Amino acid sequence: MQATNSPVRTPASEYPSGDEGGGIAVLDAASGKRLEVVAKLDAHPESFQIATSKPVIYANIATKAKVVLIDRNTHKVTDWPLKNGKFNYPMALDEADRRIFVVTRRPAQLVALDADSGATVASVPCVNDADDL
């Protein structure tokens, strides 16, 4: 497993990680051993955000032009296809306002999604080839 885009979370002894094979797992921070597979996905998760207010993870699947919602308790994966963009790499989560922000490269735009339904709330043009937001 190659760890990518791994935001460290508590407890300090564990952290979630995306892997090239298409999934998200929890790894032991000391040994790097896989402790739990959170979700199997149909492609590599390019970026992901872990909600603190409920047991979900949001992940960008850039090669499939979608965001997925992963229930951390049931491991159920719900697809939210992006209707007007592809190659969605960066992602940010605003839990207070229940918004997910993703940037697509084709066309270059910032897209705001409803964090409960995945519906597009707004989109505006932005810089091309964004890596983070």
Protein backbone atom coordinates (compact mmCIF):
# COMPACT_ATOMS: atom_id res chain seq x y z
CA MET A 1 0.00 0.00 0.00
CA GLN A 2 1.33 3.40 -0.93
CA ALA A 3 0.06 6.05 1.47
CA THR A 4 -1.07 9.27 -0.18
CA ASN A 5 -3.01 12.29 1.00
CA SER A 6 -2.96 11.13 4.61
CA PRO A 7 -4.40 13.67 7.03
CA VAL A 8 -3.32 12.64 10.53
CA ARG A 9 -6.22 12.30 12.98
CA THR A 10 -6.65 11.16 16.56
CA PRO A 11 -5.79 8.86 18.12
CA ALA A 12 -2.17 9.63 17.36
CA SER A 13 -1.37 5.94 17.00
CA GLU A 14 -3.61 5.56 13.92
CA TYR A 15 -4.21 7.44 10.68
CA PRO A 16 -6.37 7.01 7.59
CA SER A 17 -4.65 6.69 4.24
CA GLY A 18 -5.65 6.49 0.60
CA ASP A 19 -3.92 3.85 -1.46
CA GLU A 20 -3.16 3.48 -5.15
CA GLY A 21 -5.31 0.37 -5.42
CA GLY A 22 -8.52 2.27 -4.76
CA GLY A 23 -9.44 2.43 -1.13
CA ILE A 24 -9.09 4.08 2.24
CA ALA A 25 -7.60 2.21 5.18
CA VAL A 26 -6.60 2.97 8.76
CA LEU A 27 -2.90 2.37 9.39
CA ASP A 28 -0.89 1.97 12.57
CA ALA A 29 1.34 5.07 12.77
CA ALA A 30 4.33 3.19 14.22
CA SER A 31 4.41 0.11 12.01
CA GLY A 32 2.49 1.24 8.93
CA LYS A 33 0.43 -1.95 9.17
CA ARG A 34 -3.13 -1.84 7.88
CA LEU A 35 -5.55 -2.03 10.82
CA GLU A 36 -8.84 -1.67 8.98
CA VAL A 37 -10.11 -1.15 5.46
CA VAL A 38 -12.62 1.68 5.68
CA ALA A 39 -13.77 1.44 2.07
CA LYS A 40 -12.94 -0.25 -1.22
CA LEU A 41 -13.32 2.22 -4.08
CA ASP A 42 -13.40 1.81 -7.85
CA ALA A 43 -10.38 4.12 -8.29
CA HIS A 44 -7.64 5.87 -6.31
CA PRO A 45 -8.97 8.54 -3.90
CA GLU A 46 -7.16 11.72 -4.89
CA SER A 47 -8.11 13.68 -1.79
CA PHE A 48 -10.33 13.02 1.19
CA GLN A 49 -11.78 14.84 4.17
CA ILE A 50 -12.85 13.27 7.45
CA ALA A 51 -15.89 14.76 9.13
CA THR A 52 -15.67 15.28 12.88
CA SER A 53 -19.39 15.88 13.46
CA LYS A 54 -20.53 12.53 12.02
CA PRO A 55 -18.89 9.24 11.02
CA VAL A 56 -18.28 9.96 7.33
CA ILE A 57 -15.41 10.51 4.92
CA TYR A 58 -15.73 12.46 1.67
CA ALA A 59 -13.33 11.43 -1.11
CA ASN A 60 -12.52 12.84 -4.55
CA ILE A 61 -12.30 10.22 -7.29
CA ALA A 62 -10.73 12.34 -10.02
CA THR A 63 -10.54 9.69 -12.74
CA LYS A 64 -14.28 9.00 -12.38
CA ALA A 65 -15.40 12.68 -12.00
CA LYS A 66 -17.18 12.05 -8.72
CA VAL A 67 -17.12 12.56 -4.98
CA VAL A 68 -17.95 9.62 -2.74
CA LEU A 69 -19.49 9.62 0.71
CA ILE A 70 -18.18 6.80 2.92
CA ASP A 71 -20.00 5.80 6.08
CA ARG A 72 -17.26 4.86 8.57
CA ASN A 73 -19.59 2.60 10.56
CA THR A 74 -21.20 0.58 7.76
CA HIS A 75 -18.45 1.08 5.12
CA LYS A 76 -21.18 1.93 2.61
CA VAL A 77 -19.98 4.05 -0.33
CA THR A 78 -22.37 6.48 -2.03
CA ASP A 79 -21.36 7.99 -5.39
CA TRP A 80 -22.02 11.66 -6.14
CA PRO A 81 -21.16 12.20 -9.83
CA LEU A 82 -20.04 15.70 -10.79
CA LYS A 83 -22.35 16.99 -13.52
CA ASN A 84 -20.22 19.80 -14.94
CA GLY A 85 -16.58 18.99 -14.35
CA LYS A 86 -13.84 16.40 -14.49
CA PHE A 87 -10.46 15.80 -12.90
CA ASN A 88 -11.46 16.91 -9.41
CA TYR A 89 -8.27 16.83 -7.35
CA PRO A 90 -8.31 19.28 -4.39
CA MET A 91 -11.05 19.10 -1.77
CA ALA A 92 -12.00 21.01 1.38
CA LEU A 93 -14.77 20.47 3.91
CA ASP A 94 -16.74 23.20 5.71
CA GLU A 95 -18.70 21.25 8.31
CA ALA A 96 -20.29 24.31 9.92
CA ASP A 97 -22.01 25.30 6.66
CA ARG A 98 -22.35 21.68 5.39
CA ARG A 99 -20.36 22.31 2.21
CA ILE A 100 -17.73 20.35 0.32
CA PHE A 101 -15.51 22.30 -2.05
CA VAL A 102 -13.76 20.63 -4.96
CA VAL A 103 -11.75 22.07 -7.83
CA THR A 104 -12.10 20.53 -11.27
CA ARG A 105 -9.49 20.98 -13.99
CA ARG A 106 -11.86 20.58 -16.95
CA PRO A 107 -13.30 23.11 -16.87
CA ALA A 108 -11.25 24.92 -14.24
CA GLN A 109 -13.81 25.70 -11.57
CA LEU A 110 -14.47 25.69 -7.84
CA VAL A 111 -17.58 23.64 -7.11
CA ALA A 112 -19.55 23.80 -3.85
CA LEU A 113 -21.54 20.67 -2.96
CA ASP A 114 -24.12 20.13 -0.25
CA ALA A 115 -22.42 17.85 2.30
CA ASP A 116 -25.65 15.96 3.00
CA SER A 117 -26.92 15.28 -0.52
CA GLY A 118 -23.98 15.88 -2.86
CA ALA A 119 -26.05 18.35 -4.87
CA THR A 120 -24.13 21.14 -6.59
CA VAL A 121 -24.84 24.41 -4.78
CA ALA A 122 -22.60 26.72 -6.81
CA SER A 123 -19.64 26.80 -9.18
CA VAL A 124 -17.32 29.59 -10.25
CA PRO A 125 -14.36 29.68 -12.65
CA CYS A 126 -10.94 29.41 -11.02
CA VAL A 127 -7.28 28.90 -11.83
CA ASN A 128 -6.32 25.90 -13.90
CA ASP A 129 -4.39 22.96 -12.43
CA ALA A 130 -5.10 23.57 -8.73
CA ASP A 131 -3.44 21.12 -6.31
CA ASP A 132 -4.87 22.31 -3.00
CA LEU A 133 -7.48 24.57 -1.48
